[in-house]
C-alpha atoms as a PDB file:
ATOM      1  CA  MET A   1       0.094  -0.108  -0.512  1.00  0.00           C
ATOM      2  CA  SER A   2       1.433   3.310  -0.379  1.00  0.00           C
ATOM      3  CA  VAL A   3      -0.129   6.256   2.193  1.00  0.00           C
ATOM      4  CA  PHE A   4       0.994   9.663   0.937  1.00  0.00           C
ATOM      5  CA  TYR A   5       1.123  13.188   2.789  1.00  0.00           C
ATOM      6  CA  PRO A   6       2.895  15.773   3.541  1.00  0.00           C
ATOM      7  CA  SER A   7       5.049  15.820   6.302  1.00  0.00           C
ATOM      8  CA  ASP A   8       4.397  18.599   7.968  1.00  0.00           C
ATOM      9  CA  LEU A   9       0.823  16.900   8.478  1.00  0.00           C
ATOM     10  CA  ALA A  10       2.399  14.555  10.903  1.00  0.00           C
ATOM     11  CA  GLU A  11       4.596  16.967  12.906  1.00  0.00           C
ATOM     12  CA  GLY A  12       3.657  16.461  16.749  1.00  0.00           C
ATOM     13  CA  ARG A  13       1.182  13.551  15.988  1.00  0.00           C
ATOM     14  CA  THR A  14       1.653  10.193  17.985  1.00  0.00           C
ATOM     15  CA  SER A  15      -0.338   6.936  17.115  1.00  0.00           C
ATOM     16  CA  HIS A  16      -0.974   4.074  19.035  1.00  0.00           C
ATOM     17  CA  ALA A  17       0.274   0.455  18.012  1.00  0.00           C
ATOM     18  CA  VAL A  18      -1.808  -1.742  16.233  1.00  0.00           C
ATOM     19  CA  HIS A  19      -2.165  -5.602  17.072  1.00  0.00           C
ATOM     20  CA  GLY A  20      -4.354  -8.278  15.502  1.00  0.00           C
ATOM     21  CA  MET A  21      -5.334 -10.037  12.322  1.00  0.00           C
ATOM     22  CA  LEU A  22      -6.658  -6.902  10.371  1.00  0.00           C
ATOM     23  CA  THR A  23      -6.474  -5.760   6.373  1.00  0.00           C
ATOM     24  CA  PRO A  24      -4.217  -2.794   5.892  1.00  0.00           C
ATOM     25  CA  GLN A  25      -6.806  -0.787   5.284  1.00  0.00           C
ATOM     26  CA  ARG A  26      -8.410  -1.325   8.559  1.00  0.00           C
ATOM     27  CA  ALA A  27      -4.872  -1.279  10.342  1.00  0.00           C
ATOM     28  CA  LEU A  28      -3.796   2.061   8.876  1.00  0.00           C
ATOM     29  CA  HIS A  29      -7.181   3.623   9.984  1.00  0.00           C
ATOM     30  CA  ARG A  30      -7.171   2.404  13.526  1.00  0.00           C
ATOM     31  CA  LEU A  31      -3.511   3.332  13.777  1.00  0.00           C
ATOM     32  CA  LEU A  32      -4.360   7.382  12.451  1.00  0.00           C
ATOM     33  CA  GLU A  33      -7.128   6.816  15.456  1.00  0.00           C
ATOM     34  CA  GLY A  34      -6.830   9.862  18.005  1.00  0.00           C
ATOM     35  CA  THR A  35      -4.344  11.395  15.594  1.00  0.00           C
ATOM     36  CA  GLY A  36      -6.863  14.199  14.224  1.00  0.00           C
ATOM     37  CA  LEU A  37      -6.139  12.188  10.725  1.00  0.00           C
ATOM     38  CA  ALA A  38      -8.120  10.447   8.126  1.00  0.00           C
ATOM     39  CA  ALA A  39      -6.721   8.150   5.036  1.00  0.00           C
ATOM     40  CA  HIS A  40      -9.349   8.847   2.115  1.00  0.00           C
ATOM     41  CA  ALA A  41      -8.628   5.849  -0.339  1.00  0.00           C
ATOM     42  CA  THR A  42      -7.551   7.325  -3.792  1.00  0.00           C
ATOM     43  CA  ALA A  43      -7.450   3.431  -5.187  1.00  0.00           C
ATOM     44  CA  ASP A  44      -7.446  -0.150  -3.926  1.00  0.00           C
ATOM     45  CA  ASP A  45      -3.472  -0.030  -2.565  1.00  0.00           C
ATOM     46  CA  ALA A  46      -3.190   3.704  -2.503  1.00  0.00           C
ATOM     47  CA  PHE A  47      -4.186   5.981   0.470  1.00  0.00           C
ATOM     48  CA  VAL A  48      -4.131  10.436   0.758  1.00  0.00           C
ATOM     49  CA  LEU A  49      -3.867  10.627   4.488  1.00  0.00           C
ATOM     50  CA  ALA A  50      -6.025  14.746   5.741  1.00  0.00           C
ATOM     51  CA  PRO A  51      -7.222  16.112   8.775  1.00  0.00           C
ATOM     52  CA  SER A  52     -10.341  14.632   9.857  1.00  0.00           C
ATOM     53  CA  GLY A  53     -13.774  15.812   8.416  1.00  0.00           C
ATOM     54  CA  GLU A  54     -11.637  17.093   4.883  1.00  0.00           C
ATOM     55  CA  ASP A  55     -11.798  14.360   2.513  1.00  0.00           C
ATOM     56  CA  PRO A  56      -9.149  15.690  -0.610  1.00  0.00           C
ATOM     57  CA  ALA A  57     -10.419  13.367  -3.138  1.00  0.00           C
ATOM     58  CA  SER A  58     -13.939  14.298  -2.678  1.00  0.00           C
ATOM     59  CA  PRO A  59     -14.914  17.001  -5.271  1.00  0.00           C
ATOM     60  CA  GLN A  60     -16.278  16.408  -8.486  1.00  0.00           C
ATOM     61  CA  ALA A  61     -15.272  18.998 -10.537  1.00  0.00           C
ATOM     62  CA  GLN A  62     -15.735  18.074 -13.441  1.00  0.00           C
ATOM     63  CA  GLY A  63     -18.081  20.361 -16.591  1.00  0.00           C
ATOM     64  CA  MET A  64     -17.069  23.039 -13.674  1.00  0.00           C
ATOM     65  CA  PRO A  65     -15.448  26.651 -15.247  1.00  0.00           C
ATOM     66  CA  LEU A  66     -12.027  26.478 -14.457  1.00  0.00           C
ATOM     67  CA  ALA A  67     -12.015  29.665 -12.248  1.00  0.00           C
ATOM     68  CA  ARG A  68     -14.529  27.566  -9.863  1.00  0.00           C
ATOM     69  CA  GLN A  69     -12.544  24.075  -9.866  1.00  0.00           C
ATOM     70  CA  PRO A  70     -11.226  22.970  -6.011  1.00  0.00           C
ATOM     71  CA  TYR A  71      -7.498  24.207  -7.321  1.00  0.00           C
ATOM     72  CA  ASP A  72      -6.438  20.343  -5.905  1.00  0.00           C
ATOM     73  CA  ALA A  73      -8.850  19.448  -9.525  1.00  0.00           C
ATOM     74  CA  LEU A  74      -7.124  21.707 -11.624  1.00  0.00           C
ATOM     75  CA  VAL A  75      -3.245  20.993 -10.881  1.00  0.00           C
ATOM     76  CA  GLN A  76      -4.023  17.112 -11.595  1.00  0.00           C
ATOM     77  CA  SER A  77      -6.396  18.275 -14.827  1.00  0.00           C
ATOM     78  CA  HIS A  78      -3.378  20.621 -16.117  1.00  0.00           C
ATOM     79  CA  VAL A  79      -0.536  17.340 -14.892  1.00  0.00           C
ATOM     80  CA  ARG A  80      -2.547  14.822 -17.373  1.00  0.00           C
ATOM     81  CA  GLN A  81      -2.605  17.416 -20.441  1.00  0.00           C
ATOM     82  CA  ALA A  82       1.126  17.530 -19.847  1.00  0.00           C
ATOM     83  CA  LEU A  83       1.076  13.876 -19.569  1.00  0.00           C
ATOM     84  CA  CYS A  84      -1.363  12.988 -22.369  1.00  0.00           C
ATOM     85  CA  ALA A  85      -0.293  15.160 -24.888  1.00  0.00           C
ATOM     86  CA  ARG A  86       3.632  13.211 -24.942  1.00  0.00           C
ATOM     87  CA  PRO A  87       2.210  10.299 -26.625  1.00  0.00           C
ATOM     88  CA  ALA A  88       5.630   8.203 -24.468  1.00  0.00           C
ATOM     89  CA  LEU A  89       4.133   9.579 -21.433  1.00  0.00           C
ATOM     90  CA  ALA A  90       0.237   8.806 -21.849  1.00  0.00           C
ATOM     91  CA  LEU A  91      -1.265   7.809 -18.812  1.00  0.00           C
ATOM     92  CA  GLY A  92      -2.833   4.557 -17.844  1.00  0.00           C
ATOM     93  CA  THR A  93       0.746   2.080 -18.477  1.00  0.00           C
ATOM     94  CA  TYR A  94       2.693   2.978 -15.265  1.00  0.00           C
ATOM     95  CA  ARG A  95       2.279   3.422 -12.248  1.00  0.00           C
ATOM     96  CA  LEU A  96       3.853   6.891 -10.580  1.00  0.00           C
ATOM     97  CA  ALA A  97       3.800   9.422  -7.494  1.00  0.00           C
ATOM     98  CA  MET A  98       5.176  12.843  -7.740  1.00  0.00           C
ATOM     99  CA  SER A  99       4.656  15.466  -5.717  1.00  0.00           C
ATOM    100  CA  VAL A 100       4.550  19.497  -7.970  1.00  0.00           C
ATOM    101  CA  GLN A 101       5.009  22.693  -5.646  1.00  0.00           C
ATOM    102  CA  ILE A 102       3.197  26.027  -7.744  1.00  0.00           C
ATOM    103  CA  ASP A 103       4.607  29.186  -6.922  1.00  0.00           C
ATOM    104  CA  SER A 104       3.059  31.961  -6.507  1.00  0.00           C
ATOM    105  CA  THR A 105       2.179  33.014 -10.046  1.00  0.00           C
ATOM    106  CA  GLY A 106       0.412  29.383 -10.762  1.00  0.00           C
ATOM    107  CA  ARG A 107       3.478  27.582 -12.873  1.00  0.00           C
ATOM    108  CA  VAL A 108       5.038  24.500 -11.476  1.00  0.00           C
ATOM    109  CA  ARG A 109       8.256  25.919  -9.481  1.00  0.00           C
ATOM    110  CA  ARG A 110       9.871  22.168  -8.415  1.00  0.00           C
ATOM    111  CA  ALA A 111       8.531  18.579  -9.441  1.00  0.00           C
ATOM    112  CA  ARG A 112      10.060  15.447  -8.443  1.00  0.00           C
ATOM    113  CA  LEU A 113       9.035  12.160  -8.597  1.00  0.00           C
ATOM    114  CA  LEU A 114       8.715   9.894  -5.452  1.00  0.00           C
ATOM    115  CA  ASP A 115       9.311   6.497  -7.104  1.00  0.00           C
ATOM    116  CA  THR A 116       9.747   5.193 -10.817  1.00  0.00           C
ATOM    117  CA  THR A 117       8.079   4.188 -13.409  1.00  0.00           C
ATOM    118  CA  GLY A 118      10.622   1.336 -14.534  1.00  0.00           C
ATOM    119  CA  ASP A 119      11.561   3.402 -17.300  1.00  0.00           C
ATOM    120  CA  ARG A 120      14.667   6.056 -16.321  1.00  0.00           C
ATOM    121  CA  GLN A 121      13.864   8.018 -19.713  1.00  0.00           C
ATOM    122  CA  ARG A 122      10.413   8.540 -19.473  1.00  0.00           C
ATOM    123  CA  ASP A 123      11.014   9.669 -15.700  1.00  0.00           C
ATOM    124  CA  THR A 124      13.374  12.050 -16.740  1.00  0.00           C
ATOM    125  CA  ALA A 125      10.770  13.174 -19.307  1.00  0.00           C
ATOM    126  CA  ILE A 126       8.011  13.186 -17.006  1.00  0.00           C
ATOM    127  CA  VAL A 127       9.714  15.747 -14.872  1.00  0.00           C
ATOM    128  CA  ASP A 128       9.986  17.710 -17.729  1.00  0.00           C
ATOM    129  CA  ALA A 129       6.682  17.968 -18.935  1.00  0.00           C
ATOM    130  CA  LEU A 130       5.951  18.720 -15.348  1.00  0.00           C
ATOM    131  CA  ARG A 131       8.255  22.002 -15.279  1.00  0.00           C
ATOM    132  CA  GLN A 132       6.043  23.499 -18.167  1.00  0.00           C
ATOM    133  CA  VAL A 133       2.737  23.130 -16.215  1.00  0.00           C
ATOM    134  CA  ASP A 134       0.932  26.228 -16.166  1.00  0.00           C
ATOM    135  CA  ILE A 135      -2.462  26.160 -13.680  1.00  0.00           C
ATOM    136  CA  GLY A 136      -3.169  29.507 -14.293  1.00  0.00           C
ATOM    137  CA  ARG A 137      -3.627  30.770 -10.968  1.00  0.00           C
ATOM    138  CA  ALA A 138      -1.674  30.899  -7.731  1.00  0.00           C
ATOM    139  CA  PRO A 139      -2.485  28.064  -4.786  1.00  0.00           C
ATOM    140  CA  ALA A 140      -3.925  29.465  -1.268  1.00  0.00           C
ATOM    141  CA  ASN A 141      -0.245  28.406  -0.267  1.00  0.00           C
ATOM    142  CA  PRO A 142       2.823  28.194  -2.358  1.00  0.00           C
ATOM    143  CA  GLU A 143       4.627  26.600  -0.069  1.00  0.00           C
ATOM    144  CA  LYS A 144       3.057  23.579   0.513  1.00  0.00           C
ATOM    145  CA  PRO A 145       3.395  20.952  -2.726  1.00  0.00           C
ATOM    146  CA  PHE A 146       0.409  18.429  -4.295  1.00  0.00           C
ATOM    147  CA  VAL A 147       1.249  15.053  -4.401  1.00  0.00           C
ATOM    148  CA  LEU A 148      -0.309  12.854  -6.759  1.00  0.00           C
ATOM    149  CA  LEU A 149      -0.787   8.977  -7.534  1.00  0.00           C
ATOM    150  CA  VAL A 150      -0.776   8.072 -11.884  1.00  0.00           C
ATOM    151  CA  ARG A 151      -2.028   4.745 -12.027  1.00  0.00           C
ATOM    152  CA  PRO A 152      -2.409   1.811 -14.962  1.00  0.00           C
ATOM    153  CA  VAL A 153      -5.416   1.132 -16.152  1.00  0.00           C
ATOM    154  CA  GLN A 154      -6.658  -2.164 -15.169  1.00  0.00           C
ATOM    155  CA  CYS A 155      -8.482  -4.501 -18.199  1.00  0.00           C
ATOM    156  CA  GLU A 156     -10.587  -7.659 -18.539  1.00  0.00           C
ATOM    157  CA  ALA A 157      -8.482  -9.976 -20.627  1.00  0.00           C
ATOM    158  CA  GLY A 158      -9.277  -9.268 -23.753  1.00  0.00           C
ATOM    159  CA  GLN A 159     -10.688  -6.364 -23.821  1.00  0.00           C
ATOM    160  CA  ARG A 160      -9.236  -2.959 -25.074  1.00  0.00           C
ATOM    161  CA  CYS A 161      -7.797  -0.715 -22.685  1.00  0.00           C
ATOM    162  CA  ALA A 162      -8.760   2.795 -23.110  1.00  0.00           C
ATOM    163  CA  SER A 163      -6.365   5.443 -21.666  1.00  0.00           C
ATOM    164  CA  PRO A 164      -7.448   8.044 -19.281  1.00  0.00           C
ATOM    165  CA  CYS A 165      -5.828  10.202 -21.888  1.00  0.00           C
ATOM    166  CA  ASP A 166      -8.689   9.335 -24.891  1.00  0.00           C
ATOM    167  CA  ALA A 167     -11.346  10.880 -22.780  1.00  0.00           C
ATOM    168  CA  GLN A 168      -9.301  14.356 -23.131  1.00  0.00           C
ATOM    169  CA  ARG A 169      -8.216  12.715 -26.815  1.00  0.00           C
ATOM    170  CA  GLY A 170     -12.241  12.326 -27.610  1.00  0.00           C
ATOM    171  CA  GLN A 171     -11.926   8.691 -28.601  1.00  0.00           C
ATOM    172  CA  PRO A 172     -14.574   6.450 -26.871  1.00  0.00           C
END
C-alpha cells in the first residue's frame, strides 16, 4: 500500500501500535485513531492522509468552469494534459507518485517523482513535462506541494484498455 501526506501534517502527532489480524486498510484506520488524521482511498492500494473531516478526493469538478474548480482538481487536470500531450508519457501503462509545487504565479516551481515508472528516460521526460505546467493561478499556499498518484489502467483479458488520455482526445 502507498500512503501519501505532506510531512508537516504528521508533525507533533503520535499514533498507537496496532495489533491483531486486520486488513491493511483497517490497520491504517486504527493506526490513525485519535491523531486527528484520516486516510482517504485514492485506489485499492493507495491512500492520502488529511485532517479528519476533510476529504481531498471528494470534489467532483468535472464540468465546472476552471475558475470554480477546486485547486487540487486544476492541478490534476493540468498535469494530465501535460502528460497526455506527449505520446511517450501517455497515462494508463505505468504507476507513479509525484510531488509538484506551484509558485505564486501558478507555474510548477518544483517537480519530483516519489518513485519510478521503471523507465529512466520516461521518468526524466515526466519531470520535464511537469516543469512546463502552468495552472493559471496561484495556490492558496505556494509552499505546500501537491502529491499525485498515476495508476495503470486495469482491463479484463481480451478487452481493449482505454487510456485516461483517450477521453481528453475525444476517443471512446
